[in-house]
Structure formats: C-alpha cells, structure tokens
C-alpha cells in the first residue's frame, strides 16, 4: 500500500486548477476542464499527483490534514505563491526558528512551505 494522490477540496475548480498548476508546475491529466474533479500530474512523472475535487463546504479550522511543500528557496516561493493568490496565515503559533511558513490556497486550504533544501520537492517548471 502507498499514497497515490492527495485530494484537495475546492469550491471553484477553474481557480483552484490555475493556482495549483502554477504553484507546482503540474499539468492536468484530463484534456478538458471537469468542474467536479481534476487531477494534476508531474510532467516528469516523478512525484505524486494532486487531485482537485469540488465541494460546497468551506474548510474548517483547525484542519485535520494539510500538504507540506519542501523547497530550497522558501522566501522566493512564498512570494510567488502569494502573487498567485495564496494568503499567509499570520496568527499561526510558530515555534522559535520555525523552518516553515503556513499559507492558505484561494479556497482557504492550509499548506506549509518548508525550508528543507536536502528534501526539496517544490520545483515548478517556470
């Protein structure tokens, strides 16, 4: 058994697709927009896909599961993701010298951007 995909609930498929596609450098598996479900895949087939599933429910806090994205260029990616529509979670109880930044995607789903150069997996094809 293994993790095959991560599913993110979204309220606006087109907006979520644009955000996560640009954030990760992934491409849609489907050739046409499906407003209910889309899968984004790594064009190099090296990383697990991210699936987007439409829902009318808003994210509840605190979240039970979230995505961690690793990078060797945390500040650059934080700025890039904010420009794409993410928001910073300002009131997070960060420990001293935290290596992570908590963001929310345009649907309000939390995710972390972690400064881990040796484990870096955020390499969008820009």
Protein backbone atom coordinates (compact mmCIF):
# COMPACT_ATOMS: atom_id res chain seq x y z
CA UNK A 1 0.00 0.00 0.00
CA UNK A 2 1.19 3.55 -0.73
CA UNK A 3 -0.07 7.10 -1.05
CA UNK A 4 -1.20 7.55 -4.64
CA UNK A 5 -2.59 11.10 -4.68
CA UNK A 6 -3.52 13.97 -2.40
CA UNK A 7 -7.07 15.27 -2.82
CA UNK A 8 -7.87 18.93 -2.15
CA UNK A 9 -11.48 20.05 -1.80
CA UNK A 10 -12.18 23.24 -3.75
CA UNK A 11 -15.17 25.47 -4.42
CA UNK A 12 -14.03 26.92 -7.76
CA UNK A 13 -12.40 24.31 -10.00
CA UNK A 14 -11.01 26.70 -12.60
CA UNK A 15 -9.43 28.96 -9.95
CA UNK A 16 -8.01 26.00 -8.00
CA UNK A 17 -6.69 24.39 -11.15
CA UNK A 18 -4.91 27.60 -12.15
CA UNK A 19 -3.44 28.08 -8.66
CA UNK A 20 -2.15 24.55 -8.06
CA UNK A 21 -0.97 24.16 -11.64
CA UNK A 22 1.15 27.31 -11.35
CA UNK A 23 2.21 26.53 -7.77
CA UNK A 24 3.52 23.04 -8.50
CA UNK A 25 4.33 23.16 -12.21
CA UNK A 26 1.99 20.20 -12.72
CA UNK A 27 -0.25 19.64 -15.75
CA UNK A 28 -3.86 18.46 -15.90
CA UNK A 29 -4.33 14.76 -16.59
CA UNK A 30 -7.70 15.44 -18.25
CA UNK A 31 -7.75 17.20 -21.61
CA UNK A 32 -10.88 19.22 -20.76
CA UNK A 33 -11.96 21.02 -17.60
CA UNK A 34 -14.25 18.90 -15.44
CA UNK A 35 -15.90 21.21 -12.89
CA UNK A 36 -16.22 18.34 -10.38
CA UNK A 37 -12.82 16.57 -10.41
CA UNK A 38 -9.40 17.17 -11.94
CA UNK A 39 -6.05 15.53 -11.39
CA UNK A 40 -2.77 17.39 -11.75
CA UNK A 41 0.29 15.30 -12.53
CA UNK A 42 4.00 15.94 -12.52
CA UNK A 43 5.03 16.28 -16.18
CA UNK A 44 8.17 14.27 -15.37
CA UNK A 45 6.17 11.53 -13.58
CA UNK A 46 8.46 11.71 -10.55
CA UNK A 47 6.06 12.95 -7.88
CA UNK A 48 2.60 12.01 -6.66
CA UNK A 49 -0.36 13.75 -8.30
CA UNK A 50 -2.66 16.26 -6.67
CA UNK A 51 -6.38 15.85 -7.24
CA UNK A 52 -8.92 18.65 -7.01
CA UNK A 53 -12.47 17.75 -6.01
CA UNK A 54 -15.31 20.28 -5.98
CA UNK A 55 -17.29 20.79 -2.81
CA UNK A 56 -19.70 23.37 -1.47
CA UNK A 57 -18.21 23.07 2.04
CA UNK A 58 -15.70 25.62 3.27
CA UNK A 59 -12.54 24.37 5.05
CA UNK A 60 -12.96 24.05 8.80
CA UNK A 61 -10.34 25.08 11.31
CA UNK A 62 -8.23 23.56 12.64
CA UNK A 63 -7.52 21.46 9.59
CA UNK A 64 -7.02 17.75 10.12
CA UNK A 65 -4.68 17.17 7.16
CA UNK A 66 -2.56 19.55 5.13
CA UNK A 67 0.13 19.45 2.46
CA UNK A 68 3.80 20.20 3.18
CA UNK A 69 5.84 21.50 0.26
CA UNK A 70 9.63 21.37 0.63
CA UNK A 71 11.92 23.86 -1.05
CA UNK A 72 15.45 25.19 -1.06
CA UNK A 73 14.12 28.67 -1.91
CA UNK A 74 11.43 29.25 0.69
CA UNK A 75 11.18 33.05 0.53
CA UNK A 76 11.07 33.13 -3.27
CA UNK A 77 8.30 30.51 -3.33
CA UNK A 78 6.32 32.22 -0.55
CA UNK A 79 6.32 35.44 -2.57
CA UNK A 80 5.44 33.58 -5.77
CA UNK A 81 2.56 31.70 -4.12
CA UNK A 82 1.22 34.90 -2.55
CA UNK A 83 1.25 36.51 -6.00
CA UNK A 84 -0.72 33.50 -7.32
CA UNK A 85 -3.48 34.05 -4.75
CA UNK A 86 -2.32 32.29 -1.58
CA UNK A 87 -2.61 34.12 1.74
CA UNK A 88 -0.27 33.99 4.70
CA UNK A 89 -1.66 32.64 7.99
CA UNK A 90 -0.46 35.46 10.24
CA UNK A 91 -1.76 34.18 13.58
CA UNK A 92 -0.08 30.76 13.45
CA UNK A 93 1.74 29.87 16.70
CA UNK A 94 5.18 29.49 15.12
CA UNK A 95 7.87 27.97 17.34
CA UNK A 96 11.17 29.84 17.63
CA UNK A 97 13.26 29.49 14.46
CA UNK A 98 10.48 27.70 12.57
CA UNK A 99 11.55 26.30 9.20
CA UNK A 100 8.01 26.54 7.80
CA UNK A 101 5.53 29.18 6.65
CA UNK A 102 1.80 28.45 6.77
CA UNK A 103 -0.24 29.61 3.77
CA UNK A 104 -3.78 29.12 2.52
CA UNK A 105 -4.72 28.47 -1.09
CA UNK A 106 -7.50 30.58 -2.68
CA UNK A 107 -10.10 28.15 -1.24
CA UNK A 108 -8.75 28.55 2.29
CA UNK A 109 -6.96 25.18 2.49
CA UNK A 110 -3.83 25.38 4.64
CA UNK A 111 -0.47 24.18 3.41
CA UNK A 112 3.09 24.67 4.61
CA UNK A 113 6.17 25.75 2.73
CA UNK A 114 9.14 24.18 4.48
CA UNK A 115 12.76 25.25 4.13
CA UNK A 116 14.35 21.84 3.55
CA UNK A 117 16.93 22.05 0.76
CA UNK A 118 18.01 18.41 1.10
CA UNK A 119 14.42 17.17 0.72
CA UNK A 120 13.27 19.78 -1.77
CA UNK A 121 10.21 18.82 -3.82
CA UNK A 122 8.92 22.23 -4.93
CA UNK A 123 10.41 22.63 -8.38
CA UNK A 124 7.76 24.13 -10.62
CA UNK A 125 8.57 24.31 -14.28
CA UNK A 126 8.56 28.06 -14.71
